[in-house]
Protein backbone atom coordinates (compact mmCIF):
# COMPACT_ATOMS: atom_id res chain seq x y z
CA MET A 1 14.27 68.55 4.67
CA SER A 2 13.14 65.15 5.86
CA ASP A 3 13.33 62.01 3.77
CA THR A 4 10.12 60.14 3.37
CA ARG A 5 10.13 56.48 2.44
CA VAL A 6 7.51 55.42 -0.03
CA GLU A 7 6.79 51.70 -0.11
CA ALA A 8 6.16 50.25 -3.53
CA VAL A 9 2.83 48.56 -3.84
CA ALA A 10 2.71 45.55 -6.15
CA PRO A 11 -0.01 45.75 -8.75
CA PRO A 12 -2.90 43.33 -8.25
CA LEU A 13 -2.66 39.99 -10.03
CA ASP A 14 -4.87 39.45 -13.01
CA SER A 15 -6.48 36.07 -13.65
CA GLN A 16 -3.56 34.81 -15.71
CA GLY A 17 -1.04 35.88 -13.09
CA PHE A 18 -3.08 34.27 -10.34
CA LEU A 19 -3.18 30.98 -12.27
CA ARG A 20 0.60 31.07 -12.76
CA TRP A 21 1.08 31.73 -9.04
CA ALA A 22 -1.33 28.90 -8.12
CA TRP A 23 0.44 26.49 -10.49
CA ARG A 24 3.84 27.34 -9.02
CA GLN A 25 2.49 26.73 -5.52
CA LEU A 26 0.81 23.45 -6.47
CA THR A 27 3.89 22.07 -8.22
CA SER A 28 6.30 22.97 -5.43
CA MET A 29 7.87 20.18 -3.41
CA ARG A 30 6.52 21.71 -0.21
CA VAL A 31 2.89 21.39 -1.37
CA ALA A 32 3.56 17.87 -2.70
CA LEU A 33 4.77 16.80 0.76
CA ILE A 34 1.75 18.46 2.40
CA LEU A 35 -0.61 16.63 0.04
CA LEU A 36 1.20 13.33 0.62
CA PHE A 37 0.79 13.80 4.38
CA ALA A 38 -2.87 14.76 3.88
CA LEU A 39 -3.44 11.58 1.84
CA ALA A 40 -1.91 9.49 4.62
CA VAL A 41 -4.12 11.16 7.22
CA ALA A 42 -7.19 10.76 5.01
CA SER A 43 -6.46 7.03 4.74
CA VAL A 44 -6.58 6.55 8.52
CA PRO A 45 -10.41 6.23 8.75
CA GLY A 46 -10.21 3.48 6.12
CA SER A 47 -8.04 1.47 8.51
CA ILE A 48 -10.01 2.21 11.67
CA LEU A 49 -13.62 2.08 10.48
CA PRO A 50 -15.19 -0.85 8.60
CA GLN A 51 -15.48 -0.28 4.85
CA ARG A 52 -18.39 -1.22 2.62
CA GLY A 53 -16.06 -2.67 0.02
CA ASN A 54 -14.63 -5.15 2.54
CA ASN A 55 -17.39 -5.92 5.03
CA PRO A 56 -20.75 -4.22 4.40
CA LEU A 57 -22.42 -6.28 7.13
CA LEU A 58 -20.03 -4.90 9.73
CA VAL A 59 -20.70 -1.37 8.43
CA ASP A 60 -24.46 -1.78 8.91
CA GLU A 61 -23.89 -3.20 12.38
CA TRP A 62 -21.59 -0.29 13.30
CA ILE A 63 -24.17 2.25 12.14
CA ASP A 64 -26.92 0.48 14.13
CA GLN A 65 -24.78 0.57 17.27
CA GLN A 66 -24.00 4.29 16.80
CA PRO A 67 -27.36 5.82 15.79
CA SER A 68 -26.18 9.42 16.18
CA LEU A 69 -22.62 9.29 14.83
CA GLY A 70 -23.00 6.44 12.35
CA PRO A 71 -25.37 8.10 9.82
CA LEU A 72 -23.27 11.30 9.87
CA LEU A 73 -20.05 9.42 9.11
CA ASP A 74 -21.88 7.48 6.41
CA ARG A 75 -23.00 10.70 4.68
CA LEU A 76 -19.43 12.01 4.84
CA GLY A 77 -18.09 8.87 3.18
CA PHE A 78 -16.09 7.50 6.10
CA PHE A 79 -17.32 3.96 5.40
CA ASP A 80 -16.15 4.19 1.79
CA VAL A 81 -13.05 6.33 2.27
CA TYR A 82 -11.28 5.47 -0.96
CA GLY A 83 -14.34 6.30 -3.03
CA ALA A 84 -15.22 9.52 -1.19
CA PRO A 85 -15.07 12.82 -3.13
CA TRP A 86 -12.75 14.46 -0.58
CA PHE A 87 -10.28 11.58 -0.83
CA ALA A 88 -10.39 11.74 -4.64
CA ALA A 89 -9.71 15.50 -4.49
CA ILE A 90 -6.56 15.02 -2.38
CA TYR A 91 -5.51 12.15 -4.61
CA LEU A 92 -5.87 14.13 -7.85
CA LEU A 93 -4.14 17.21 -6.44
CA LEU A 94 -1.22 15.06 -5.31
CA PHE A 95 -1.05 13.44 -8.74
CA VAL A 96 -0.95 16.80 -10.53
CA SER A 97 1.52 18.20 -8.01
CA LEU A 98 3.95 15.30 -8.45
CA ILE A 99 3.73 15.47 -12.24
CA GLY A 100 4.35 19.22 -12.29
CA CYS A 101 7.15 18.92 -9.75
CA VAL A 102 9.04 15.91 -11.14
CA LEU A 103 8.89 16.28 -14.92
CA PRO A 104 10.79 19.62 -15.09
CA ARG A 105 13.43 18.18 -12.76
CA VAL A 106 13.86 15.19 -15.09
CA GLY A 107 14.74 17.55 -17.95
CA HIS A 108 17.16 19.54 -15.82
CA HIS A 109 18.80 16.37 -14.51
CA TRP A 110 19.19 14.98 -18.03
CA LYS A 111 20.95 18.16 -19.14
CA ALA A 112 23.17 18.13 -16.04
CA MET A 113 24.23 14.53 -16.68
CA ARG A 114 25.26 15.44 -20.24
CA THR A 115 27.18 18.52 -19.11
CA PRO A 116 30.89 17.99 -18.31
CA PRO A 117 32.18 18.89 -14.85
CA PRO A 118 33.04 22.57 -14.29
CA ILE A 119 36.52 23.98 -14.77
CA ALA A 120 38.73 23.66 -11.73
CA PRO A 121 38.82 26.86 -9.64
CA ARG A 122 42.14 28.71 -9.52
CA ASN A 123 42.05 29.09 -5.71
CA LEU A 124 41.66 25.51 -4.50
CA ASP A 125 42.70 26.43 -0.97
CA ARG A 126 39.28 28.04 -0.45
CA MET A 127 37.47 24.76 -0.94
CA GLN A 128 35.98 22.45 1.71
CA ALA A 129 39.02 20.15 1.76
CA PHE A 130 42.46 21.07 0.38
CA SER A 131 45.88 19.49 0.21
CA CYS A 132 49.09 20.52 -1.54
CA GLU A 133 52.38 18.74 -2.14
CA THR A 134 55.46 18.93 -4.38
CA VAL A 135 56.44 16.10 -6.76
CA ASP A 136 59.15 15.55 -9.34
CA ASP A 137 56.92 14.44 -12.25
CA ALA A 138 55.83 16.83 -14.96
CA PRO A 139 52.37 18.40 -14.53
CA ALA A 140 51.07 16.73 -17.70
CA ASP A 141 52.12 13.28 -16.45
CA VAL A 142 50.39 13.78 -13.10
CA SER A 143 47.22 15.05 -14.78
CA SER A 144 47.14 12.19 -17.29
CA HIS A 145 47.57 9.46 -14.70
CA VAL A 146 45.11 10.88 -12.15
CA SER A 147 42.39 11.51 -14.77
CA GLY A 148 42.75 8.00 -16.17
CA GLU A 149 42.53 6.39 -12.73
CA LEU A 150 39.48 8.49 -11.76
CA ARG A 151 37.69 7.46 -14.97
CA ARG A 152 38.41 3.83 -14.13
CA ARG A 153 36.81 4.34 -10.72
CA GLY A 154 33.59 5.73 -12.21
CA TRP A 155 34.16 9.47 -11.98
CA ARG A 156 33.08 11.85 -14.74
CA VAL A 157 36.33 13.61 -15.64
CA ARG A 158 37.25 16.75 -17.51
CA THR A 159 40.82 17.97 -18.11
CA GLY A 160 42.31 21.21 -19.35
CA SER A 161 45.04 23.77 -18.93
CA ASP A 162 45.26 27.47 -18.04
CA ALA A 163 47.61 30.10 -19.43
CA ALA A 164 49.60 32.36 -17.15
CA VAL A 165 47.58 35.38 -15.98
CA ASP A 166 48.82 38.29 -13.78
CA GLY A 167 51.74 36.43 -12.35
CA ASP A 168 49.88 33.13 -12.09
CA PRO A 169 52.00 30.62 -14.02
CA GLY A 170 48.90 28.63 -14.99
CA GLY A 171 49.17 24.84 -15.39
CA VAL A 172 47.03 21.78 -16.04
CA TRP A 173 43.94 20.76 -14.12
CA VAL A 174 41.57 17.82 -13.60
CA SER A 175 37.92 18.23 -12.66
CA ALA A 176 35.99 15.12 -11.57
CA GLU A 177 32.45 14.63 -10.35
CA LYS A 178 30.57 11.68 -8.92
CA GLY A 179 27.21 10.93 -7.28
CA TYR A 180 24.65 11.77 -9.94
CA LEU A 181 22.82 8.61 -8.91
CA ARG A 182 21.62 10.53 -5.85
CA GLU A 183 19.41 12.81 -7.93
CA THR A 184 18.57 9.95 -10.30
CA GLY A 185 17.33 7.84 -7.38
CA ASN A 186 15.37 10.80 -6.05
CA LEU A 187 13.64 11.35 -9.39
CA ILE A 188 12.94 7.63 -9.88
CA PHE A 189 11.42 7.55 -6.39
CA HIS A 190 9.02 10.36 -7.24
CA LEU A 191 8.23 8.88 -10.65
CA ALA A 192 7.48 5.58 -8.89
CA LEU A 193 5.05 7.45 -6.64
CA VAL A 194 3.33 8.77 -9.76
CA LEU A 195 3.17 5.23 -11.14
CA ILE A 196 1.64 4.02 -7.87
CA LEU A 197 -1.03 6.71 -8.13
CA VAL A 198 -1.71 5.72 -11.75
CA ALA A 199 -1.94 2.03 -10.79
CA VAL A 200 -4.29 2.76 -7.89
CA ALA A 201 -6.40 4.96 -10.17
CA ALA A 202 -6.59 2.16 -12.76
CA GLY A 203 -7.71 -0.24 -10.05
CA GLY A 204 -10.28 2.26 -8.81
CA LEU A 205 -11.70 2.90 -12.28
CA PHE A 206 -11.70 -0.58 -13.80
CA GLY A 207 -11.56 -2.80 -10.71
CA TRP A 208 -14.42 -4.26 -8.71
CA ARG A 209 -14.96 -6.29 -5.57
CA GLY A 210 -17.86 -8.00 -3.90
CA ASN A 211 -18.71 -10.03 -0.81
CA VAL A 212 -20.85 -13.13 -0.59
CA ILE A 213 -21.73 -15.65 2.11
CA VAL A 214 -21.93 -19.26 0.94
CA LYS A 215 -23.20 -22.11 3.11
CA GLU A 216 -21.66 -25.56 2.99
CA GLY A 217 -23.10 -27.52 0.08
CA ASN A 218 -24.31 -24.38 -1.70
CA GLY A 219 -22.83 -22.70 -4.75
CA PHE A 220 -22.07 -19.26 -6.10
CA SER A 221 -22.16 -17.92 -9.66
CA ASN A 222 -20.18 -14.77 -10.40
CA THR A 223 -23.08 -12.49 -11.34
CA LEU A 224 -24.21 -9.25 -9.73
CA THR A 225 -27.42 -10.74 -8.33
CA GLN A 226 -25.47 -13.38 -6.38
CA TYR A 227 -23.48 -10.89 -4.33
CA ASP A 228 -24.48 -9.69 -0.88
CA ALA A 229 -22.55 -6.50 -1.61
CA TRP A 230 -20.77 -5.41 -4.78
CA GLY A 231 -18.88 -2.28 -5.69
CA GLY A 232 -17.07 -1.39 -8.87
CA GLY A 233 -15.15 1.45 -10.40
CA ARG A 234 -16.80 4.05 -12.59
CA LEU A 235 -15.65 2.23 -15.72
CA ALA A 236 -16.40 -1.28 -14.43
CA THR A 237 -19.52 -2.93 -15.87
CA ALA A 238 -21.35 -6.18 -15.41
CA ASP A 239 -19.92 -7.37 -18.73
CA SER A 240 -16.42 -7.21 -17.25
CA ILE A 241 -17.23 -9.85 -14.60
CA PRO A 242 -15.82 -13.28 -15.61
CA PRO A 243 -18.55 -15.99 -15.63
CA PHE A 244 -17.03 -18.50 -13.20
CA SER A 245 -18.77 -20.38 -10.39
CA PHE A 246 -17.90 -22.59 -7.45
CA THR A 247 -19.54 -24.82 -4.87
CA LEU A 248 -18.47 -24.85 -1.23
CA ASP A 249 -18.05 -28.60 -0.68
CA ASP A 250 -16.53 -28.43 2.78
CA PHE A 251 -15.21 -25.91 5.28
CA ASP A 252 -12.62 -27.13 7.80
CA VAL A 253 -11.89 -25.18 10.95
CA GLU A 254 -9.80 -26.00 14.02
CA PHE A 255 -9.38 -24.08 17.28
CA GLU A 256 -6.73 -24.28 19.98
CA ARG A 257 -8.01 -26.29 22.97
CA SER A 258 -5.09 -25.88 25.38
CA GLU A 259 -5.46 -23.40 28.20
CA ALA A 260 -2.66 -21.12 26.99
CA GLN A 261 -4.44 -19.91 23.84
CA ARG A 262 -7.79 -21.58 24.17
CA GLY A 263 -10.12 -20.73 21.29
CA ALA A 264 -7.40 -19.26 19.03
CA PRO A 265 -7.89 -20.21 15.36
CA ARG A 266 -5.49 -22.81 14.03
CA LEU A 267 -6.95 -23.81 10.65
CA PHE A 268 -9.44 -22.25 8.21
CA GLU A 269 -9.75 -23.75 4.75
CA ALA A 270 -12.57 -23.97 2.24
CA ARG A 271 -12.66 -26.79 -0.28
CA VAL A 272 -14.49 -25.73 -3.41
CA ALA A 273 -15.40 -27.23 -6.77
CA LEU A 274 -14.42 -24.49 -9.22
CA GLN A 275 -15.86 -24.06 -12.71
CA ASN A 276 -13.84 -21.52 -14.71
CA GLU A 277 -16.56 -20.92 -17.30
CA PRO A 278 -20.03 -22.25 -18.16
CA GLY A 279 -19.82 -25.77 -19.56
CA ALA A 280 -16.29 -26.40 -18.27
CA GLY A 281 -15.53 -29.26 -15.94
CA ALA A 282 -15.29 -28.63 -12.20
CA GLN A 283 -11.91 -28.83 -10.50
CA GLU A 284 -11.19 -29.13 -6.81
CA ASP A 285 -9.41 -26.22 -5.19
CA LEU A 286 -8.50 -25.04 -1.71
CA ILE A 287 -8.94 -21.49 -0.37
CA GLU A 288 -7.13 -20.54 2.83
CA VAL A 289 -6.66 -17.35 4.79
CA ASN A 290 -4.15 -15.14 2.92
CA SER A 291 -4.00 -17.79 0.19
CA PRO A 292 -6.68 -16.91 -2.38
CA ILE A 293 -7.34 -18.60 -5.69
CA SER A 294 -7.12 -16.71 -8.97
CA VAL A 295 -9.80 -17.08 -11.63
CA ALA A 296 -9.78 -15.10 -14.91
CA GLY A 297 -7.81 -12.26 -13.32
CA ALA A 298 -10.03 -12.09 -10.23
CA LYS A 299 -9.01 -13.38 -6.82
CA VAL A 300 -11.26 -15.20 -4.35
CA PHE A 301 -10.34 -14.53 -0.72
CA LEU A 302 -11.61 -16.32 2.38
CA VAL A 303 -12.45 -13.50 4.81
CA GLY A 304 -14.80 -14.97 7.42
CA HIS A 305 -16.95 -17.83 8.60
CA GLY A 306 -19.72 -18.67 11.01
CA TYR A 307 -22.68 -20.92 11.76
CA ALA A 308 -26.01 -21.39 10.01
CA PRO A 309 -28.52 -23.17 12.30
CA SER A 310 -31.15 -25.33 10.55
CA PHE A 311 -34.87 -24.90 11.31
CA ILE A 312 -38.20 -26.34 10.22
CA VAL A 313 -41.23 -24.10 10.82
CA ARG A 314 -44.82 -25.34 10.57
CA ASP A 315 -47.98 -23.26 10.72
CA ALA A 316 -51.01 -23.92 12.91
CA SER A 317 -52.35 -26.50 10.44
CA GLY A 318 -49.07 -28.46 10.46
CA ASP A 319 -47.90 -27.46 6.97
CA VAL A 320 -44.19 -26.81 6.54
CA VAL A 321 -43.69 -23.13 5.71
CA PHE A 322 -39.92 -22.97 6.19
CA ASP A 323 -37.12 -25.54 6.00
CA ASP A 324 -33.65 -24.10 5.58
CA ASP A 325 -30.35 -23.07 7.15
CA VAL A 326 -30.18 -19.48 8.40
CA VAL A 327 -26.97 -17.46 8.50
CA PHE A 328 -26.20 -16.18 11.99
CA LEU A 329 -23.50 -13.51 12.44
CA PRO A 330 -20.81 -14.00 15.12
CA GLN A 331 -20.67 -11.33 17.84
CA ASP A 332 -17.51 -12.33 19.72
CA GLY A 333 -14.46 -14.53 19.52
CA ASN A 334 -16.38 -17.54 20.84
CA PHE A 335 -18.92 -17.17 18.01
CA THR A 336 -21.95 -16.21 20.06
CA SER A 337 -24.08 -15.49 16.99
CA THR A 338 -27.30 -13.64 16.27
CA GLY A 339 -29.77 -14.07 13.43
CA VAL A 340 -33.34 -13.61 12.30
CA ILE A 341 -35.93 -15.91 10.71
CA LYS A 342 -38.82 -14.36 8.76
CA ILE A 343 -41.84 -16.45 7.67
CA PRO A 344 -44.01 -14.23 5.41
CA ASP A 345 -45.98 -17.20 3.97
CA SER A 346 -47.60 -18.29 7.24
CA ASP A 347 -50.90 -16.96 8.54
CA PRO A 348 -50.31 -15.00 10.67
CA GLN A 349 -46.78 -14.04 9.64
CA LEU A 350 -44.09 -15.29 12.02
CA GLY A 351 -40.69 -13.90 12.98
CA PHE A 352 -37.91 -15.18 15.22
CA ARG A 353 -34.88 -13.58 16.77
CA GLY A 354 -32.20 -16.11 17.60
CA LEU A 355 -29.02 -16.45 19.60
CA PHE A 356 -26.87 -19.42 18.54
CA LEU A 357 -24.28 -20.71 21.01
CA PRO A 358 -21.71 -23.23 19.68
CA THR A 359 -20.69 -24.18 23.24
CA SER A 360 -23.49 -23.09 25.51
CA ALA A 361 -23.19 -21.44 28.90
CA ILE A 362 -25.43 -19.16 30.95
CA ASP A 363 -24.87 -17.06 34.04
CA ASP A 364 -26.55 -14.22 35.92
CA ILE A 365 -24.24 -11.52 34.54
CA ARG A 366 -23.76 -12.33 30.85
CA GLY A 367 -26.82 -14.45 30.34
CA PRO A 368 -26.65 -16.99 27.48
CA HIS A 369 -23.26 -17.00 25.77
CA SER A 370 -20.71 -19.29 24.14
CA VAL A 371 -17.51 -20.26 25.95
CA PHE A 372 -15.72 -21.89 22.97
CA PRO A 373 -15.91 -21.21 19.23
CA ASP A 374 -16.33 -24.83 18.14
CA ALA A 375 -19.73 -26.54 18.27
CA ASP A 376 -19.14 -28.75 21.33
CA ASP A 377 -22.56 -28.14 22.95
CA PRO A 378 -24.73 -26.16 20.50
CA SER A 379 -28.04 -24.59 21.43
CA VAL A 380 -30.22 -21.74 20.24
CA PHE A 381 -32.25 -19.21 22.23
CA LEU A 382 -35.30 -17.94 20.31
CA SER A 383 -37.87 -15.21 20.80
CA ALA A 384 -40.97 -15.76 18.64
CA TRP A 385 -43.29 -13.06 17.23
CA TYR A 386 -46.43 -13.02 15.12
CA GLY A 387 -48.16 -10.25 13.20
CA ASP A 388 -47.09 -8.04 10.26
CA LEU A 389 -43.43 -8.30 9.23
CA GLY A 390 -43.73 -5.02 7.31
CA LEU A 391 -42.42 -6.51 4.07
CA ALA A 392 -45.33 -5.13 2.05
CA SER A 393 -44.48 -1.51 2.92
CA GLY A 394 -41.79 -1.33 0.26
CA VAL A 395 -39.20 -0.12 2.75
CA PRO A 396 -35.97 -2.20 2.43
CA GLN A 397 -35.19 -4.40 5.41
CA SER A 398 -32.04 -6.16 6.47
CA ILE A 399 -32.23 -9.92 6.58
CA TYR A 400 -30.37 -9.71 9.89
CA SER A 401 -32.92 -7.54 11.71
CA LEU A 402 -36.58 -8.02 12.64
CA SER A 403 -39.04 -5.13 12.89
CA THR A 404 -41.52 -5.90 15.66
CA ASP A 405 -43.49 -2.63 15.56
CA GLU A 406 -46.58 -4.41 14.20
CA MET A 407 -46.02 -7.75 15.93
CA GLU A 408 -46.86 -9.44 19.22
CA GLN A 409 -44.39 -11.54 21.14
CA ILE A 410 -45.20 -15.22 21.60
CA GLY A 411 -42.47 -16.10 24.07
CA LEU A 412 -38.88 -17.20 24.65
CA ARG A 413 -37.41 -20.71 24.45
CA ALA A 414 -34.02 -22.43 24.41
CA LEU A 415 -33.61 -25.39 22.07
CA VAL A 416 -30.97 -28.03 21.43
CA PRO A 417 -30.74 -29.96 18.15
CA GLY A 418 -33.82 -32.13 17.68
CA GLN A 419 -36.10 -30.17 20.02
CA VAL A 420 -39.44 -28.66 18.93
CA TRP A 421 -41.13 -25.58 20.33
CA GLU A 422 -44.88 -25.65 19.92
CA PHE A 423 -47.09 -22.55 20.25
CA ALA A 424 -50.60 -21.53 19.22
CA GLN A 425 -49.54 -20.15 15.79
CA GLY A 426 -47.43 -23.20 14.86
CA GLU A 427 -44.12 -24.74 15.84
CA ILE A 428 -40.38 -24.51 15.15
CA GLU A 429 -37.86 -27.34 15.22
CA PHE A 430 -34.11 -26.86 15.65
CA THR A 431 -32.70 -29.63 13.46
CA GLY A 432 -28.97 -28.88 13.54
CA TRP A 433 -26.44 -26.54 12.01
CA THR A 434 -23.98 -26.13 9.20
CA ARG A 435 -21.10 -23.73 8.55
CA TRP A 436 -20.90 -20.79 6.19
CA SER A 437 -17.93 -19.01 4.68
CA SER A 438 -17.62 -15.39 3.62
CA PHE A 439 -15.69 -14.72 0.43
CA GLN A 440 -14.42 -11.51 -1.08
CA ILE A 441 -13.97 -11.62 -4.84
CA ALA A 442 -11.84 -8.79 -6.21
CA PHE A 443 -10.43 -7.70 -9.53
CA ASP A 444 -7.70 -5.05 -9.42
CA PRO A 445 -5.91 -4.45 -12.74
CA GLY A 446 -3.40 -2.08 -11.17
CA LYS A 447 -2.01 -4.23 -8.37
CA GLU A 448 0.95 -5.65 -10.32
CA ALA A 449 2.04 -2.21 -11.50
CA ALA A 450 1.63 -0.84 -7.97
CA LEU A 451 3.81 -3.65 -6.59
CA VAL A 452 6.55 -3.05 -9.17
CA ALA A 453 6.41 0.70 -8.53
CA SER A 454 6.61 0.17 -4.76
CA VAL A 455 9.71 -2.01 -5.06
CA LEU A 456 11.25 0.48 -7.49
CA ALA A 457 10.50 3.35 -5.10
CA MET A 458 12.21 1.57 -2.20
CA LEU A 459 15.31 0.76 -4.28
CA ALA A 460 15.49 4.30 -5.65
CA LEU A 461 15.09 5.79 -2.18
CA THR A 462 17.90 3.57 -0.88
CA VAL A 463 20.18 4.71 -3.70
CA SER A 464 19.29 8.35 -3.07
CA LEU A 465 19.94 8.14 0.66
CA PHE A 466 23.28 6.35 0.47
CA THR A 467 24.83 8.11 -2.53
CA ARG A 468 26.96 11.24 -2.00
CA ARG A 469 27.42 13.75 -4.79
CA ARG A 470 30.82 15.45 -4.68
CA ARG A 471 33.48 17.12 -6.83
CA ILE A 472 37.27 16.77 -6.82
CA TRP A 473 39.77 19.11 -8.48
CA LEU A 474 43.48 18.77 -9.09
CA ARG A 475 45.85 21.48 -10.29
CA ALA A 476 49.49 20.86 -11.23
CA ARG A 477 52.02 23.53 -12.22
CA ASP A 478 55.74 24.14 -12.21
CA ASP A 479 57.13 25.92 -9.20
CA GLU A 480 60.21 28.13 -8.90
CA GLN A 481 62.50 25.23 -7.87
CA GLY A 482 61.70 23.25 -11.02
CA SER A 483 59.41 20.76 -9.26
CA THR A 484 55.68 20.28 -9.77
CA LEU A 485 53.25 21.74 -7.26
CA VAL A 486 50.11 19.55 -7.03
CA GLY A 487 47.01 20.91 -5.29
CA VAL A 488 43.93 18.77 -4.60
CA ALA A 489 40.58 20.03 -3.27
CA GLY A 490 37.08 18.69 -2.92
CA LEU A 491 33.54 19.91 -2.38
CA SER A 492 30.50 17.98 -1.24
CA LYS A 493 27.22 18.71 -3.04
CA SER A 494 25.09 17.19 -0.28
CA GLU A 495 24.50 18.30 3.28
CA MET A 496 26.85 17.04 5.98
CA GLY A 497 29.12 15.52 3.31
CA ASP A 498 32.85 14.97 3.82
CA VAL A 499 35.24 14.76 0.88
CA SER A 500 38.45 14.37 2.89
CA GLU A 501 38.65 10.68 1.99
CA ASP A 502 38.30 11.48 -1.71
CA VAL A 503 41.04 14.14 -1.52
CA ARG A 504 43.37 11.65 0.19
CA ALA A 505 42.50 9.05 -2.45
CA VAL A 506 43.54 11.41 -5.26
CA GLN A 507 46.75 12.20 -3.40
CA GLN A 508 47.40 8.48 -3.09
CA ILE A 509 46.79 7.99 -6.82
CA ALA A 510 49.42 10.63 -7.61
CA ALA A 511 51.85 9.23 -5.00
CA ASP A 512 51.49 5.66 -6.31
CA HIS A 513 52.21 6.88 -9.83
CA ILE A 514 55.39 8.67 -8.72
CA ALA A 515 56.54 5.67 -6.66
CA GLY A 516 55.91 3.38 -9.62
CA ARG A 517 57.96 5.58 -11.92
CA LYS A 518 60.83 5.69 -9.45
CA ALA A 519 60.77 1.91 -9.04
CA ALA A 520 60.80 1.43 -12.80
CA SER A 521 63.66 3.92 -13.13
CA ASN A 522 65.72 2.17 -10.45
CA GLU A 523 65.14 -1.20 -12.07
CA THR A 524 66.26 0.16 -15.45
CA THR A 525 69.43 1.62 -13.87
CA SER A 526 70.24 -1.68 -12.18
CA ASN A 527 69.88 -3.56 -15.44
CA ASP A 528 72.16 -1.09 -17.20
CA ASP A 529 74.78 -1.50 -14.45
CA ARG A 530 74.76 -5.28 -14.77
CA LYS A 531 75.19 -5.06 -18.51
CA SER A 532 78.19 -2.76 -18.06
CA GLU A 533 79.82 -5.21 -15.65
CA GLN A 534 79.39 -8.04 -18.10
């Protein structure tokens, strides 16, 4: 007769069982670590690729330079990583996972901290570290002194005694435990991570940020229509924007001129006249790189700068159809800058593509380019076009690009300040240049809480890493010779822990007590002898 083994088949999970299983998986520490790693990986594109919330102009330029990859990444949200649905999904799953993982542990840890240390084992010689010695003091005296000294040193102590059982004479014991701060620090670290997620979520929901380019002498009012790009959280509204304004009075910039670091920036600062609210007086303020100003909870950062060449354009009849500064965008570290001028009010319509060079140079390989970022020898290279600018089609156009599909080229010309280029459809005069500054204005209600939580997380992690949880036991009983047999053992509750030092410390406490008693006894005997002699 052969034995046949029948494997038990688990019944299929119903919907409720599946949800319980999914919840246990989601709230496990393993899944929390996986989600934390996934969030870190998902944040990488936000550091590598330009983001619309920080520099929308650079995003548009990147997409134009990568016509095949750029639109695909844009549809997938890689230029707005922290607002993308896939990033929000990882973020929310991590939040739920940490909550479900940490909160039950908080309850268990609270109960453990209120529970006294366990009773000392009878067989201490089986523990991780063990020592035994014989002393003359009574077991109760040893136990009392050692427990009092351990309490003074911050140990949680429990004492008791055992009756004789099966030949075991019993005795008194001390159980001490230390290192609960390890788990406390671990829990505070994870709770701080939850607080960071909450703070970031608050900033994402209620915060907003926008970018604007302001030319020297021009002003900015904090309204939606004044921004070049603005993005806010789902709960941020136009009513939440504080009504301040400022004027860019002056922008100072200095570059290194020595050969070692020629062209390196040395000073960027914007002097503004700030008006905190409508009707309030203007006050002078200074905005520097990494030194923003704070207005009504929002911060104004200086994030970029460049040149705005000045032009006067006249039509064929000599009437002025354009007289303004035009923002040109820098393309390299020497501020070789490109820009576009559109004249829809002339007949025919005119358009210009320009290349502004702060310090001009030209060669056969690179063509026109700038060799230094400061305006030592400025010039502008223009290509002129006439025809239909395409503005009436209703299709949005960038102010930094010119569509020449319906236009005819007039020609190319290089100009220095004061020069005029005349052509059949009119003329253009390069009158000079001014500087512009790019500002990012941001309101983030969760940044203070995130900072506090980050500091708290680092402190808690330090405590958790450098705190050892361990237990020490002492047993004292009378032996057959009338002395007291003292056994001390220890056990580490953390990996790679060593409690030998703690065991020796308890032995030393008992030895010091015995030595002190002997010294006191000898001194008493000496005093009695002297009295007898007298």
